[in-house]
N, C-alpha and C. Protein backbone atom coordinates (compact mmCIF):
# COMPACT_ATOMS: atom_id res chain seq x y z
N UNK A 1 -63.72 -8.68 -26.26
CA UNK A 1 -63.45 -8.77 -24.83
C UNK A 1 -62.04 -8.24 -24.58
N UNK A 2 -61.92 -7.44 -23.56
CA UNK A 2 -60.63 -6.86 -23.16
C UNK A 2 -59.65 -7.99 -22.82
N UNK A 3 -58.39 -7.88 -23.25
CA UNK A 3 -57.40 -8.97 -23.01
C UNK A 3 -57.28 -9.36 -21.54
N UNK A 4 -57.33 -8.39 -20.63
CA UNK A 4 -57.21 -8.71 -19.21
C UNK A 4 -58.41 -9.52 -18.72
N UNK A 5 -59.60 -9.18 -19.19
CA UNK A 5 -60.81 -9.94 -18.83
C UNK A 5 -60.72 -11.35 -19.40
N UNK A 6 -60.26 -11.45 -20.65
CA UNK A 6 -60.11 -12.76 -21.29
C UNK A 6 -59.11 -13.61 -20.51
N UNK A 7 -58.00 -12.99 -20.12
CA UNK A 7 -56.98 -13.70 -19.33
C UNK A 7 -57.59 -14.23 -18.03
N UNK A 8 -58.33 -13.37 -17.34
CA UNK A 8 -58.93 -13.75 -16.05
C UNK A 8 -59.93 -14.90 -16.23
N UNK A 9 -60.71 -14.87 -17.30
CA UNK A 9 -61.68 -15.92 -17.56
C UNK A 9 -60.97 -17.25 -17.86
N UNK A 10 -59.99 -17.22 -18.75
CA UNK A 10 -59.25 -18.44 -19.09
C UNK A 10 -58.49 -18.96 -17.86
N UNK A 11 -57.88 -18.04 -17.10
CA UNK A 11 -57.19 -18.42 -15.86
C UNK A 11 -58.14 -19.16 -14.92
N UNK A 12 -59.37 -18.67 -14.79
CA UNK A 12 -60.34 -19.29 -13.89
C UNK A 12 -60.65 -20.73 -14.33
N UNK A 13 -60.81 -20.94 -15.63
CA UNK A 13 -61.09 -22.29 -16.13
C UNK A 13 -59.89 -23.22 -15.92
N UNK A 14 -58.69 -22.74 -16.21
CA UNK A 14 -57.48 -23.57 -16.06
C UNK A 14 -57.20 -23.85 -14.59
N UNK A 15 -57.21 -22.80 -13.76
CA UNK A 15 -56.96 -23.00 -12.33
C UNK A 15 -58.02 -23.91 -11.72
N UNK A 16 -59.26 -23.74 -12.17
CA UNK A 16 -60.34 -24.61 -11.69
C UNK A 16 -60.06 -26.06 -12.02
N UNK A 17 -59.67 -26.33 -13.26
CA UNK A 17 -59.41 -27.71 -13.67
C UNK A 17 -58.27 -28.32 -12.86
N UNK A 18 -57.19 -27.57 -12.68
CA UNK A 18 -56.04 -28.09 -11.95
C UNK A 18 -56.34 -28.31 -10.47
N UNK A 19 -56.82 -27.29 -9.82
CA UNK A 19 -57.05 -27.36 -8.38
C UNK A 19 -58.17 -28.35 -8.03
N UNK A 20 -59.26 -28.26 -8.77
CA UNK A 20 -60.41 -29.10 -8.46
C UNK A 20 -60.12 -30.57 -8.75
N UNK A 21 -59.36 -30.85 -9.80
CA UNK A 21 -59.04 -32.25 -10.07
C UNK A 21 -58.21 -32.86 -8.95
N UNK A 22 -57.23 -32.12 -8.47
CA UNK A 22 -56.39 -32.64 -7.37
C UNK A 22 -57.21 -32.80 -6.09
N UNK A 23 -57.97 -31.77 -5.76
CA UNK A 23 -58.73 -31.81 -4.50
C UNK A 23 -59.80 -32.90 -4.51
N UNK A 24 -60.55 -33.01 -5.61
CA UNK A 24 -61.59 -34.05 -5.65
C UNK A 24 -60.99 -35.45 -5.70
N UNK A 25 -59.83 -35.60 -6.34
CA UNK A 25 -59.15 -36.90 -6.36
C UNK A 25 -58.80 -37.32 -4.94
N UNK A 26 -58.15 -36.43 -4.21
CA UNK A 26 -57.71 -36.76 -2.84
C UNK A 26 -58.90 -37.02 -1.93
N UNK A 27 -59.89 -36.15 -1.96
CA UNK A 27 -61.03 -36.31 -1.06
C UNK A 27 -61.84 -37.55 -1.42
N UNK A 28 -62.00 -37.84 -2.71
CA UNK A 28 -62.71 -39.06 -3.11
C UNK A 28 -61.94 -40.29 -2.66
N UNK A 29 -60.62 -40.27 -2.83
CA UNK A 29 -59.80 -41.40 -2.39
C UNK A 29 -59.92 -41.61 -0.88
N UNK A 30 -59.90 -40.53 -0.12
CA UNK A 30 -60.03 -40.64 1.34
C UNK A 30 -61.41 -41.19 1.72
N UNK A 31 -62.44 -40.73 1.03
CA UNK A 31 -63.80 -41.11 1.41
C UNK A 31 -64.24 -42.48 0.93
N UNK A 32 -63.86 -42.89 -0.28
CA UNK A 32 -64.35 -44.16 -0.81
C UNK A 32 -63.26 -45.19 -1.06
N UNK A 33 -62.00 -44.78 -1.02
CA UNK A 33 -60.91 -45.72 -1.26
C UNK A 33 -60.73 -46.03 -2.73
N UNK A 34 -59.70 -46.80 -3.01
CA UNK A 34 -59.36 -47.16 -4.39
C UNK A 34 -60.11 -48.45 -4.72
N UNK A 35 -61.27 -48.31 -5.35
CA UNK A 35 -62.08 -49.48 -5.67
C UNK A 35 -62.65 -49.40 -7.06
N UNK A 36 -63.59 -50.30 -7.31
CA UNK A 36 -64.18 -50.42 -8.64
C UNK A 36 -64.93 -49.16 -9.08
N UNK A 37 -65.51 -48.44 -8.13
CA UNK A 37 -66.32 -47.28 -8.47
C UNK A 37 -65.59 -45.95 -8.26
N UNK A 38 -64.29 -46.03 -7.99
CA UNK A 38 -63.54 -44.81 -7.71
C UNK A 38 -63.61 -43.80 -8.84
N UNK A 39 -63.32 -44.22 -10.06
CA UNK A 39 -63.26 -43.30 -11.19
C UNK A 39 -64.61 -42.61 -11.43
N UNK A 40 -65.68 -43.37 -11.40
CA UNK A 40 -67.01 -42.79 -11.61
C UNK A 40 -67.37 -41.81 -10.49
N UNK A 41 -67.04 -42.18 -9.27
CA UNK A 41 -67.32 -41.31 -8.13
C UNK A 41 -66.49 -40.04 -8.21
N UNK A 42 -65.22 -40.18 -8.58
CA UNK A 42 -64.35 -39.01 -8.72
C UNK A 42 -64.84 -38.08 -9.82
N UNK A 43 -65.22 -38.64 -10.97
CA UNK A 43 -65.69 -37.81 -12.08
C UNK A 43 -66.97 -37.05 -11.71
N UNK A 44 -67.85 -37.70 -10.95
CA UNK A 44 -69.07 -37.02 -10.50
C UNK A 44 -68.71 -35.87 -9.56
N UNK A 45 -67.82 -36.13 -8.62
CA UNK A 45 -67.38 -35.09 -7.68
C UNK A 45 -66.70 -33.94 -8.44
N UNK A 46 -65.86 -34.28 -9.41
CA UNK A 46 -65.18 -33.26 -10.20
C UNK A 46 -66.19 -32.40 -10.95
N UNK A 47 -67.17 -33.02 -11.58
CA UNK A 47 -68.18 -32.28 -12.34
C UNK A 47 -68.93 -31.27 -11.49
N UNK A 48 -69.36 -31.70 -10.33
CA UNK A 48 -70.09 -30.81 -9.42
C UNK A 48 -69.16 -29.69 -8.94
N UNK A 49 -67.97 -30.05 -8.51
CA UNK A 49 -67.03 -29.06 -7.97
C UNK A 49 -66.59 -28.07 -9.04
N UNK A 50 -66.43 -28.51 -10.28
CA UNK A 50 -65.99 -27.62 -11.35
C UNK A 50 -67.05 -26.57 -11.66
N UNK A 51 -68.30 -27.01 -11.70
CA UNK A 51 -69.40 -26.08 -11.97
C UNK A 51 -69.51 -25.02 -10.87
N UNK A 52 -69.23 -25.40 -9.65
CA UNK A 52 -69.27 -24.45 -8.54
C UNK A 52 -67.95 -23.67 -8.44
N UNK A 53 -66.84 -24.36 -8.62
CA UNK A 53 -65.53 -23.78 -8.36
C UNK A 53 -65.08 -22.72 -9.34
N UNK A 54 -65.35 -22.89 -10.62
CA UNK A 54 -64.88 -21.91 -11.61
C UNK A 54 -65.50 -20.53 -11.38
N UNK A 55 -66.81 -20.43 -11.18
CA UNK A 55 -67.35 -19.10 -10.88
C UNK A 55 -66.80 -18.51 -9.57
N UNK A 56 -66.56 -19.36 -8.58
CA UNK A 56 -65.99 -18.87 -7.32
C UNK A 56 -64.59 -18.33 -7.56
N UNK A 57 -63.77 -19.05 -8.31
CA UNK A 57 -62.43 -18.57 -8.64
C UNK A 57 -62.52 -17.26 -9.41
N UNK A 58 -63.41 -17.20 -10.40
CA UNK A 58 -63.56 -16.00 -11.21
C UNK A 58 -63.92 -14.79 -10.35
N UNK A 59 -64.81 -14.99 -9.39
CA UNK A 59 -65.26 -13.88 -8.54
C UNK A 59 -64.28 -13.53 -7.42
N UNK A 60 -63.64 -14.54 -6.85
CA UNK A 60 -62.82 -14.29 -5.66
C UNK A 60 -61.34 -14.09 -5.92
N UNK A 61 -60.83 -14.46 -7.08
CA UNK A 61 -59.40 -14.26 -7.36
C UNK A 61 -58.99 -12.79 -7.25
N UNK A 62 -59.76 -11.85 -7.79
CA UNK A 62 -59.38 -10.44 -7.63
C UNK A 62 -59.38 -9.99 -6.17
N UNK A 63 -60.32 -10.50 -5.41
CA UNK A 63 -60.38 -10.18 -3.98
C UNK A 63 -59.15 -10.73 -3.27
N UNK A 64 -58.80 -11.98 -3.59
CA UNK A 64 -57.62 -12.60 -2.97
C UNK A 64 -56.34 -11.85 -3.34
N UNK A 65 -56.25 -11.37 -4.58
CA UNK A 65 -55.08 -10.58 -4.99
C UNK A 65 -54.99 -9.29 -4.19
N UNK A 66 -56.12 -8.60 -3.99
CA UNK A 66 -56.12 -7.35 -3.22
C UNK A 66 -55.74 -7.59 -1.77
N UNK A 67 -56.31 -8.62 -1.18
CA UNK A 67 -55.98 -8.93 0.22
C UNK A 67 -54.50 -9.28 0.35
N UNK A 68 -53.99 -10.08 -0.57
CA UNK A 68 -52.57 -10.45 -0.55
C UNK A 68 -51.69 -9.22 -0.72
N UNK A 69 -52.06 -8.35 -1.64
CA UNK A 69 -51.31 -7.12 -1.84
C UNK A 69 -51.25 -6.26 -0.58
N UNK A 70 -52.40 -6.15 0.09
CA UNK A 70 -52.44 -5.37 1.33
C UNK A 70 -51.61 -6.03 2.44
N UNK A 71 -51.70 -7.34 2.56
CA UNK A 71 -50.92 -8.04 3.58
C UNK A 71 -49.43 -7.89 3.37
N UNK A 72 -49.01 -7.88 2.12
CA UNK A 72 -47.58 -7.80 1.81
C UNK A 72 -47.11 -6.38 1.52
N UNK A 73 -48.05 -5.45 1.46
CA UNK A 73 -47.69 -4.06 1.21
C UNK A 73 -47.21 -3.80 -0.20
N UNK A 74 -47.76 -4.55 -1.16
CA UNK A 74 -47.40 -4.36 -2.57
C UNK A 74 -48.67 -4.14 -3.39
N UNK A 75 -48.50 -3.53 -4.53
CA UNK A 75 -49.65 -3.34 -5.44
C UNK A 75 -50.02 -4.68 -6.06
N UNK A 76 -51.29 -4.96 -6.10
CA UNK A 76 -51.75 -6.23 -6.69
C UNK A 76 -52.15 -6.04 -8.13
């Protein structure tokens, strides 16, 4: 696998884990509160979001870089 492709794939998994964990934590806390079932509910939400989110990051990150580059007038 080409190093740039490998970087993009690993980036997608890492960014997915970081972003999705924070977002699902906050949204789960807002929706169900800090209770006995919080951790199980959060882990379920994280699992679903990670399976959806990583492919979305993988597919859309290059698009976001191009749009950002055009908005700022720099090469992406």
